[in-house]
Amino acid sequence: MPDQLLVIDAAQTAAHFYCGVILNANRAVRAAPIVCYLLHWSRAQIEQYGRTRGWRCEVLDLAELSHEPHTQRSDPPAYR
């Protein structure tokens, strides 16, 4: 199973709290320092814990993310 990124959005409960955890075989193998206690937890445990904290969790497949280098645009993106 390819690595996955579990994105945690806790901005509803704590201002500016947005971080990620790398999952391998549905187990946390890397984590942002603020959530390092989640290391070795299963995806289900993290999602359940997140629900009790009011976090929004989303899982992304790293293999599906673009590996193209970022290029600088001449015009900034439009924000709505």
C-alpha atoms as a PDB file:
ATOM      1  CA  MET A   1       0.000   0.000   0.000  1.00  0.00           C
ATOM      2  CA  PRO A   2       1.481   3.396  -0.968  1.00  0.00           C
ATOM      3  CA  ASP A   3       2.027   6.075   1.617  1.00  0.00           C
ATOM      4  CA  GLN A   4      -0.884   8.361   2.401  1.00  0.00           C
ATOM      5  CA  LEU A   5      -1.085  11.836   3.889  1.00  0.00           C
ATOM      6  CA  LEU A   6      -3.682  12.302   6.618  1.00  0.00           C
ATOM      7  CA  VAL A   7      -4.402  16.032   6.761  1.00  0.00           C
ATOM      8  CA  ILE A   8      -5.730  17.328  10.076  1.00  0.00           C
ATOM      9  CA  ASP A   9      -7.713  20.567  10.063  1.00  0.00           C
ATOM     10  CA  ALA A  10      -8.487  21.635  13.600  1.00  0.00           C
ATOM     11  CA  ALA A  11      -9.002  25.315  12.868  1.00  0.00           C
ATOM     12  CA  GLN A  12     -12.562  25.129  14.225  1.00  0.00           C
ATOM     13  CA  THR A  13     -11.247  24.341  17.701  1.00  0.00           C
ATOM     14  CA  ALA A  14      -7.807  25.992  17.693  1.00  0.00           C
ATOM     15  CA  ALA A  15      -6.758  28.917  15.535  1.00  0.00           C
ATOM     16  CA  HIS A  16      -4.157  28.071  12.876  1.00  0.00           C
ATOM     17  CA  PHE A  17      -4.029  24.343  13.711  1.00  0.00           C
ATOM     18  CA  TYR A  18      -3.464  22.499  10.453  1.00  0.00           C
ATOM     19  CA  CYS A  19      -0.979  19.645  10.123  1.00  0.00           C
ATOM     20  CA  GLY A  20      -0.303  16.264   8.592  1.00  0.00           C
ATOM     21  CA  VAL A  21       0.581  12.666   9.372  1.00  0.00           C
ATOM     22  CA  ILE A  22       2.180  10.227   6.913  1.00  0.00           C
ATOM     23  CA  LEU A  23       0.546   6.797   6.955  1.00  0.00           C
ATOM     24  CA  ASN A  24       2.106   3.576   5.737  1.00  0.00           C
ATOM     25  CA  ALA A  25      -0.105   0.479   5.820  1.00  0.00           C
ATOM     26  CA  ASN A  26      -2.651   2.565   7.771  1.00  0.00           C
ATOM     27  CA  ARG A  27      -0.113   3.286  10.555  1.00  0.00           C
ATOM     28  CA  ALA A  28       1.374   6.710  11.362  1.00  0.00           C
ATOM     29  CA  VAL A  29       5.078   6.685  10.453  1.00  0.00           C
ATOM     30  CA  ARG A  30       5.775  10.444  10.375  1.00  0.00           C
ATOM     31  CA  ALA A  31       3.940  13.304  12.046  1.00  0.00           C
ATOM     32  CA  ALA A  32       4.150  17.027  12.473  1.00  0.00           C
ATOM     33  CA  PRO A  33       5.814  17.921  15.791  1.00  0.00           C
ATOM     34  CA  ILE A  34       2.553  19.223  17.263  1.00  0.00           C
ATOM     35  CA  VAL A  35       0.976  15.762  16.868  1.00  0.00           C
ATOM     36  CA  CYS A  36       4.055  13.546  17.314  1.00  0.00           C
ATOM     37  CA  TYR A  37       2.152  11.565  19.953  1.00  0.00           C
ATOM     38  CA  LEU A  38       0.119  10.082  17.077  1.00  0.00           C
ATOM     39  CA  LEU A  39       3.150   8.120  15.799  1.00  0.00           C
ATOM     40  CA  HIS A  40       2.445   4.387  15.485  1.00  0.00           C
ATOM     41  CA  TRP A  41      -1.315   4.944  15.873  1.00  0.00           C
ATOM     42  CA  SER A  42      -3.600   3.379  13.261  1.00  0.00           C
ATOM     43  CA  ARG A  43      -5.582   5.534  10.852  1.00  0.00           C
ATOM     44  CA  ALA A  44      -8.812   4.496  12.612  1.00  0.00           C
ATOM     45  CA  GLN A  45      -7.410   5.506  16.020  1.00  0.00           C
ATOM     46  CA  ILE A  46      -6.321   8.910  14.702  1.00  0.00           C
ATOM     47  CA  GLU A  47      -9.670   9.569  13.019  1.00  0.00           C
ATOM     48  CA  GLN A  48     -11.591   8.506  16.131  1.00  0.00           C
ATOM     49  CA  TYR A  49      -9.407  10.681  18.362  1.00  0.00           C
ATOM     50  CA  GLY A  50      -9.831  13.556  15.906  1.00  0.00           C
ATOM     51  CA  ARG A  51     -13.612  13.290  16.061  1.00  0.00           C
ATOM     52  CA  THR A  52     -13.502  13.665  19.855  1.00  0.00           C
ATOM     53  CA  ARG A  53     -11.424  16.830  19.363  1.00  0.00           C
ATOM     54  CA  GLY A  54     -13.579  18.280  16.593  1.00  0.00           C
ATOM     55  CA  TRP A  55     -10.898  17.821  13.913  1.00  0.00           C
ATOM     56  CA  ARG A  56     -11.609  17.352  10.243  1.00  0.00           C
ATOM     57  CA  CYS A  57      -9.398  14.591   8.786  1.00  0.00           C
ATOM     58  CA  GLU A  58      -8.830  13.902   5.102  1.00  0.00           C
ATOM     59  CA  VAL A  59      -6.616  11.199   3.577  1.00  0.00           C
ATOM     60  CA  LEU A  60      -4.729  11.791   0.325  1.00  0.00           C
ATOM     61  CA  ASP A  61      -2.749   9.207  -1.632  1.00  0.00           C
ATOM     62  CA  LEU A  62       0.786  10.544  -2.027  1.00  0.00           C
ATOM     63  CA  ALA A  63       1.248   8.636  -5.285  1.00  0.00           C
ATOM     64  CA  GLU A  64      -1.608  10.628  -6.832  1.00  0.00           C
ATOM     65  CA  LEU A  65      -0.174  14.003  -5.874  1.00  0.00           C
ATOM     66  CA  SER A  66       1.791  15.836  -8.540  1.00  0.00           C
ATOM     67  CA  HIS A  67       5.553  15.365  -8.513  1.00  0.00           C
ATOM     68  CA  GLU A  68       6.153  18.200 -10.955  1.00  0.00           C
ATOM     69  CA  PRO A  69       8.376  21.004  -9.666  1.00  0.00           C
ATOM     70  CA  HIS A  70       6.601  24.199  -8.756  1.00  0.00           C
ATOM     71  CA  THR A  71       7.054  27.035 -11.189  1.00  0.00           C
ATOM     72  CA  GLN A  72       6.676  30.671 -10.358  1.00  0.00           C
ATOM     73  CA  ARG A  73       3.759  32.364 -12.052  1.00  0.00           C
ATOM     74  CA  SER A  74       4.002  35.799 -13.559  1.00  0.00           C
ATOM     75  CA  ASP A  75       0.515  36.616 -12.274  1.00  0.00           C
ATOM     76  CA  PRO A  76      -0.638  35.726  -8.747  1.00  0.00           C
ATOM     77  CA  PRO A  77      -3.601  33.348  -8.395  1.00  0.00           C
ATOM     78  CA  ALA A  78      -6.978  34.963  -7.897  1.00  0.00           C
ATOM     79  CA  TYR A  79      -8.332  34.593  -4.374  1.00  0.00           C
ATOM     80  CA  ARG A  80     -12.040  34.635  -3.733  1.00  0.00           C
END
